[in-house]
Amino acid sequence: MPLQIDISRFKNLSIEDHDDGVWVVTLNRPKKRNALDTDTIEELVDFFSTAPRAGVRAVVLAGSGDHFCAGLDLVEHHNDDRSPADFMHICLRWHEAFNKMEYGGVPIIAALQGAVVGGGLELASSAHVRVMDQTAYFALPEGQRGLFTGGGATIRVTDLVGKARMVDMMLTGRVYQGQEAVDLGLAQYIVDGSSLDYAMELARKAAQNLPLSNFAICSAVSHMQNMSAMDAAYAESVVAGVVNTQPDARARLAAFADKSAARVRPNSE
């Protein structure tokens, strides 16, 4: 039996379970521009630790109000006057949350609007697909605030935009938005309307895939990127051996063989 997720225990996340297997997880601190405090991080760890075992087919990650996420809750950080050891352990919990997202095997589609800044960009980069609207903007202002990234930007954002652009963003506070942000890889889609609506459309499409296929896509690829080429080739072969012979795929393969399945076509056709 799948695990049950008790959504009533979440305070900083608003969670909706849709009948089609898509769950919507919304950062719910709009007055703080959805800044990430320690409680929100713990709730992210909680939900994304459970989601793969609870029958969640896909997740749309969103922010309430005008902004996706403005990053670390700097007021909490200032007021707590943390020691180096204290903040190190907080960073480790951020990594725990974001690793659960990236490697958990459940497709996560981020719907971005307004600020996607600092830790908010680290959070967004942990999703597998990012959809931005015309208001979304991306920045890493840590250098101007006397800070350094602690939630994986040096890993994931660098993977998206490259080392030189990552360093530039931190040194100068450079802001990316619009089509330029998509061209750099900060988002895969830009829409004129609601990023949430389009993210839901993509999530529903992903949720129709077989769960084991999605697990491999949303977990194995990231693991293989951390391996040598030889190790990755071996791991890919093993994963393909398991996924490509799964019994649940037989009907889909049969539909392809008898030409009743939809064929891949260019968008223009």
Protein backbone atom coordinates (compact mmCIF):
# COMPACT_ATOMS: atom_id res chain seq x y z
CA MET A 1 0.00 0.00 0.00
CA PRO A 2 1.28 3.52 -0.79
CA LEU A 3 2.16 5.74 2.12
CA GLN A 4 -0.34 8.43 3.06
CA ILE A 5 0.63 12.11 3.13
CA ASP A 6 -1.13 14.06 5.86
CA ILE A 7 -1.32 17.50 4.25
CA SER A 8 -2.73 19.05 7.45
CA ARG A 9 0.70 18.94 9.10
CA PHE A 10 2.20 21.35 6.57
CA LYS A 11 2.06 25.02 7.55
CA ASN A 12 4.42 26.82 5.17
CA LEU A 13 3.54 24.64 2.19
CA SER A 14 0.06 24.51 0.71
CA ILE A 15 -0.44 21.05 -0.80
CA GLU A 16 -3.18 19.90 -3.16
CA ASP A 17 -3.71 16.33 -4.35
CA HIS A 18 -5.31 16.11 -7.79
CA ASP A 19 -7.10 12.99 -8.97
CA ASP A 20 -4.75 12.52 -11.93
CA GLY A 21 -1.73 11.90 -9.71
CA VAL A 22 -0.45 15.47 -9.97
CA TRP A 23 0.22 17.23 -6.68
CA VAL A 24 0.64 20.99 -6.37
CA VAL A 25 3.09 22.14 -3.70
CA THR A 26 2.97 25.90 -3.12
CA LEU A 27 5.35 27.92 -0.97
CA ASN A 28 2.89 29.81 1.22
CA ARG A 29 4.72 32.77 2.76
CA PRO A 30 3.72 35.51 0.31
CA LYS A 31 4.37 38.37 2.74
CA LYS A 32 7.99 37.17 2.90
CA ARG A 33 8.14 36.66 -0.89
CA ASN A 34 8.18 32.96 0.03
CA ALA A 35 11.64 33.22 1.59
CA LEU A 36 12.93 29.91 2.90
CA ASP A 37 13.12 29.64 6.67
CA THR A 38 14.12 26.52 8.57
CA ASP A 39 10.52 25.33 9.00
CA THR A 40 9.85 25.53 5.25
CA ILE A 41 12.98 23.53 4.49
CA GLU A 42 11.90 20.84 6.96
CA GLU A 43 8.51 20.65 5.27
CA LEU A 44 10.20 20.26 1.87
CA VAL A 45 12.32 17.41 3.30
CA ASP A 46 9.18 15.84 4.75
CA PHE A 47 7.07 15.98 1.59
CA PHE A 48 9.72 15.00 -0.94
CA SER A 49 10.95 12.15 1.26
CA THR A 50 7.46 10.67 1.19
CA ALA A 51 6.25 11.54 -2.33
CA PRO A 52 7.99 8.67 -4.21
CA ARG A 53 6.35 6.12 -1.90
CA ALA A 54 2.93 7.78 -1.80
CA GLY A 55 1.84 7.32 -5.38
CA VAL A 56 2.66 10.90 -6.41
CA ARG A 57 2.98 10.83 -10.21
CA ALA A 58 4.21 14.42 -10.70
CA VAL A 59 4.58 17.62 -8.70
CA VAL A 60 4.03 21.23 -9.66
CA LEU A 61 6.12 23.46 -7.40
CA ALA A 62 4.83 27.02 -7.14
CA GLY A 63 4.98 30.16 -5.02
CA SER A 64 1.98 32.06 -3.70
CA GLY A 65 1.59 35.73 -4.51
CA ASP A 66 3.73 37.67 -6.95
CA HIS A 67 7.01 35.81 -6.41
CA PHE A 68 8.25 32.24 -6.58
CA CYS A 69 10.93 32.52 -3.89
CA ALA A 70 13.27 35.29 -2.77
CA GLY A 71 15.76 32.85 -1.20
CA LEU A 72 17.08 32.52 2.32
CA ASP A 73 14.98 34.22 4.99
CA LEU A 74 17.57 36.88 5.78
CA VAL A 75 15.58 38.29 8.70
CA GLU A 76 15.54 34.90 10.43
CA HIS A 77 19.23 34.47 9.63
CA HIS A 78 20.09 37.89 11.08
CA ASN A 79 17.96 37.49 14.20
CA ASP A 80 19.28 34.02 15.01
CA ASP A 81 22.92 35.20 14.83
CA ARG A 82 24.04 31.70 13.93
CA SER A 83 27.41 30.13 14.57
CA PRO A 84 29.38 28.64 11.66
CA ALA A 85 28.45 25.13 12.82
CA ASP A 86 24.78 26.06 13.13
CA PHE A 87 24.63 27.44 9.61
CA MET A 88 26.57 24.51 8.19
CA HIS A 89 23.89 22.15 9.50
CA ILE A 90 21.15 24.37 8.07
CA CYS A 91 22.86 24.18 4.68
CA LEU A 92 23.00 20.41 4.97
CA ARG A 93 19.23 20.34 5.47
CA TRP A 94 18.80 22.49 2.36
CA HIS A 95 20.90 19.95 0.47
CA GLU A 96 18.79 17.15 1.94
CA ALA A 97 15.59 18.81 0.67
CA PHE A 98 16.92 19.62 -2.78
CA ASN A 99 18.55 16.21 -3.22
CA LYS A 100 15.24 14.56 -2.33
CA MET A 101 13.72 16.61 -5.13
CA GLU A 102 16.33 16.07 -7.82
CA TYR A 103 17.04 12.41 -7.10
CA GLY A 104 13.66 11.29 -5.75
CA GLY A 105 12.36 10.01 -9.08
CA VAL A 106 9.11 12.04 -9.15
CA PRO A 107 8.92 14.64 -11.95
CA ILE A 108 8.89 18.16 -10.53
CA ILE A 109 7.76 21.07 -12.70
CA ALA A 110 8.49 24.50 -11.22
CA ALA A 111 6.10 27.34 -12.06
CA LEU A 112 8.11 30.54 -11.78
CA GLN A 113 7.01 34.15 -11.43
CA GLY A 114 8.60 37.25 -9.96
CA ALA A 115 11.72 36.71 -7.88
CA VAL A 116 13.67 33.48 -8.39
CA VAL A 117 16.58 34.74 -6.37
CA GLY A 118 19.41 33.26 -4.29
CA GLY A 119 18.09 30.20 -2.50
CA GLY A 120 14.95 30.50 -4.62
CA LEU A 121 17.06 29.80 -7.69
CA GLU A 122 18.71 26.91 -5.87
CA LEU A 123 15.24 25.54 -5.15
CA ALA A 124 14.09 26.02 -8.74
CA SER A 125 17.21 24.38 -10.12
CA SER A 126 16.36 21.26 -8.11
CA ALA A 127 13.20 20.82 -10.20
CA HIS A 128 13.41 18.84 -13.41
CA VAL A 129 11.54 21.34 -15.58
CA ARG A 130 11.13 25.08 -15.06
CA VAL A 131 8.40 27.22 -16.61
CA MET A 132 8.72 30.99 -16.26
CA ASP A 133 6.24 33.75 -17.00
CA GLN A 134 7.13 37.21 -18.24
CA THR A 135 7.56 38.58 -14.69
CA ALA A 136 10.17 36.04 -13.57
CA TYR A 137 13.75 37.12 -12.97
CA PHE A 138 16.81 35.22 -11.77
CA ALA A 139 19.70 36.44 -9.63
CA LEU A 140 22.32 35.35 -7.11
CA PRO A 141 22.91 38.48 -4.99
CA GLU A 142 24.94 36.73 -2.30
CA GLY A 143 28.11 38.70 -3.06
CA GLN A 144 26.41 42.04 -2.40
CA ARG A 145 25.04 40.79 0.93
CA GLY A 146 28.25 39.40 2.33
CA LEU A 147 27.09 35.83 1.79
CA PHE A 148 27.92 32.74 -0.24
CA THR A 149 25.55 30.18 -1.72
CA GLY A 150 24.86 27.23 0.56
CA GLY A 151 22.03 25.31 -1.08
CA GLY A 152 23.65 23.87 -4.17
CA ALA A 153 23.97 26.79 -6.60
CA THR A 154 27.64 25.97 -7.16
CA ILE A 155 26.44 22.58 -8.38
CA ARG A 156 23.06 22.98 -10.07
CA VAL A 157 23.09 26.58 -11.28
CA THR A 158 26.61 26.08 -12.60
CA ASP A 159 25.33 23.03 -14.48
CA LEU A 160 22.63 25.21 -16.02
CA VAL A 161 24.56 28.32 -17.03
CA GLY A 162 28.26 27.44 -16.73
CA LYS A 163 30.94 28.49 -14.26
CA ALA A 164 31.73 31.87 -15.79
CA ARG A 165 28.11 33.08 -15.76
CA MET A 166 27.57 31.68 -12.27
CA VAL A 167 30.57 33.60 -10.92
CA ASP A 168 29.45 36.74 -12.76
CA MET A 169 25.97 36.52 -11.23
CA MET A 170 27.41 36.27 -7.74
CA LEU A 171 30.06 38.95 -8.18
CA THR A 172 27.94 41.59 -9.90
CA GLY A 173 24.37 40.76 -8.93
CA ARG A 174 23.47 40.39 -12.60
CA VAL A 175 19.79 39.70 -13.23
CA TYR A 176 18.48 37.53 -16.07
CA GLN A 177 14.93 37.57 -17.35
CA GLY A 178 12.83 36.94 -20.43
CA GLN A 179 14.04 34.92 -23.39
CA GLU A 180 17.68 35.41 -22.34
CA ALA A 181 17.01 33.37 -19.18
CA VAL A 182 15.61 30.54 -21.28
CA ASP A 183 18.49 30.70 -23.73
CA LEU A 184 20.94 30.31 -20.82
CA GLY A 185 19.07 27.31 -19.42
CA LEU A 186 17.60 28.89 -16.29
CA ALA A 187 14.17 27.80 -17.54
CA GLN A 188 13.07 25.53 -20.34
CA TYR A 189 9.80 27.32 -21.13
CA ILE A 190 8.59 30.93 -21.11
CA VAL A 191 4.89 31.73 -21.38
CA ASP A 192 2.89 34.92 -21.86
CA GLY A 193 0.18 33.78 -19.49
CA SER A 194 0.25 31.73 -16.30
CA SER A 195 3.35 29.68 -15.62
CA LEU A 196 1.25 27.60 -13.22
CA ASP A 197 -1.25 26.64 -15.91
CA TYR A 198 1.48 25.55 -18.30
CA ALA A 199 3.36 23.71 -15.54
CA MET A 200 0.14 21.82 -14.76
CA GLU A 201 -0.18 20.87 -18.43
CA LEU A 202 3.38 19.51 -18.48
CA ALA A 203 2.92 17.71 -15.16
CA ARG A 204 -0.23 15.98 -16.39
CA LYS A 205 1.62 14.86 -19.49
CA ALA A 206 4.53 13.51 -17.42
CA ALA A 207 2.13 11.79 -15.01
CA GLN A 208 0.84 9.64 -17.87
CA ASN A 209 4.24 7.99 -18.21
CA LEU A 210 4.93 4.77 -16.37
CA PRO A 211 6.25 5.54 -12.86
CA LEU A 212 9.35 3.39 -13.30
CA SER A 213 10.26 5.25 -16.49
CA ASN A 214 9.82 8.58 -14.75
CA PHE A 215 11.84 7.35 -11.79
CA ALA A 216 14.75 6.54 -14.10
CA ILE A 217 14.48 9.84 -15.97
CA CYS A 218 14.25 11.94 -12.80
CA SER A 219 16.83 10.06 -10.76
CA ALA A 220 19.24 8.00 -12.84
CA VAL A 221 20.21 10.83 -15.19
CA SER A 222 21.39 12.98 -12.28
CA HIS A 223 23.29 10.09 -10.72
CA MET A 224 24.99 9.32 -14.03
CA GLN A 225 26.13 12.91 -14.38
CA ASN A 226 28.16 12.37 -11.21
CA MET A 227 29.95 9.32 -12.63
CA SER A 228 32.83 8.78 -14.97
CA ALA A 229 31.83 8.07 -18.58
CA MET A 230 32.62 4.37 -18.18
CA ASP A 231 30.66 4.05 -14.94
CA ALA A 232 27.74 6.01 -16.40
CA ALA A 233 27.61 3.76 -19.45
CA TYR A 234 27.47 0.70 -17.21
CA ALA A 235 24.80 2.23 -14.96
CA GLU A 236 22.74 3.32 -17.97
CA SER A 237 22.81 -0.23 -19.34
CA VAL A 238 21.63 -1.67 -16.03
CA VAL A 239 18.82 0.89 -15.67
CA ALA A 240 17.75 0.32 -19.28
CA GLY A 241 17.70 -3.41 -18.65
CA VAL A 242 15.25 -2.95 -15.79
CA VAL A 243 13.08 -0.19 -17.24
CA ASN A 244 12.89 -1.39 -20.84
CA THR A 245 11.62 -4.83 -19.84
CA GLN A 246 9.02 -3.73 -17.28
CA PRO A 247 5.77 -5.70 -17.67
CA ASP A 248 3.65 -2.53 -17.58
CA ALA A 249 5.26 -1.38 -20.83
CA ARG A 250 4.03 -4.39 -22.84
CA ALA A 251 0.73 -2.77 -23.83
CA ARG A 252 2.45 0.41 -24.92
CA LEU A 253 4.99 -1.50 -26.97
CA ALA A 254 2.20 -3.56 -28.54
CA ALA A 255 0.38 -0.35 -29.52
CA PHE A 256 3.53 0.87 -31.21
CA ALA A 257 4.01 -2.43 -33.01
CA ASP A 258 0.45 -2.50 -34.39
CA LYS A 259 0.66 1.21 -35.29
CA SER A 260 -2.22 2.21 -33.02
CA ALA A 261 0.00 4.40 -30.84
CA ALA A 262 0.54 8.06 -31.68
CA ARG A 263 3.73 8.70 -33.62
CA VAL A 264 6.17 11.50 -32.87
CA ARG A 265 5.57 14.37 -35.26
CA PRO A 266 6.98 17.89 -35.62
CA ASN A 267 4.84 20.58 -34.04
CA SER A 268 4.12 22.04 -37.49
CA GLU A 269 2.32 18.91 -38.68
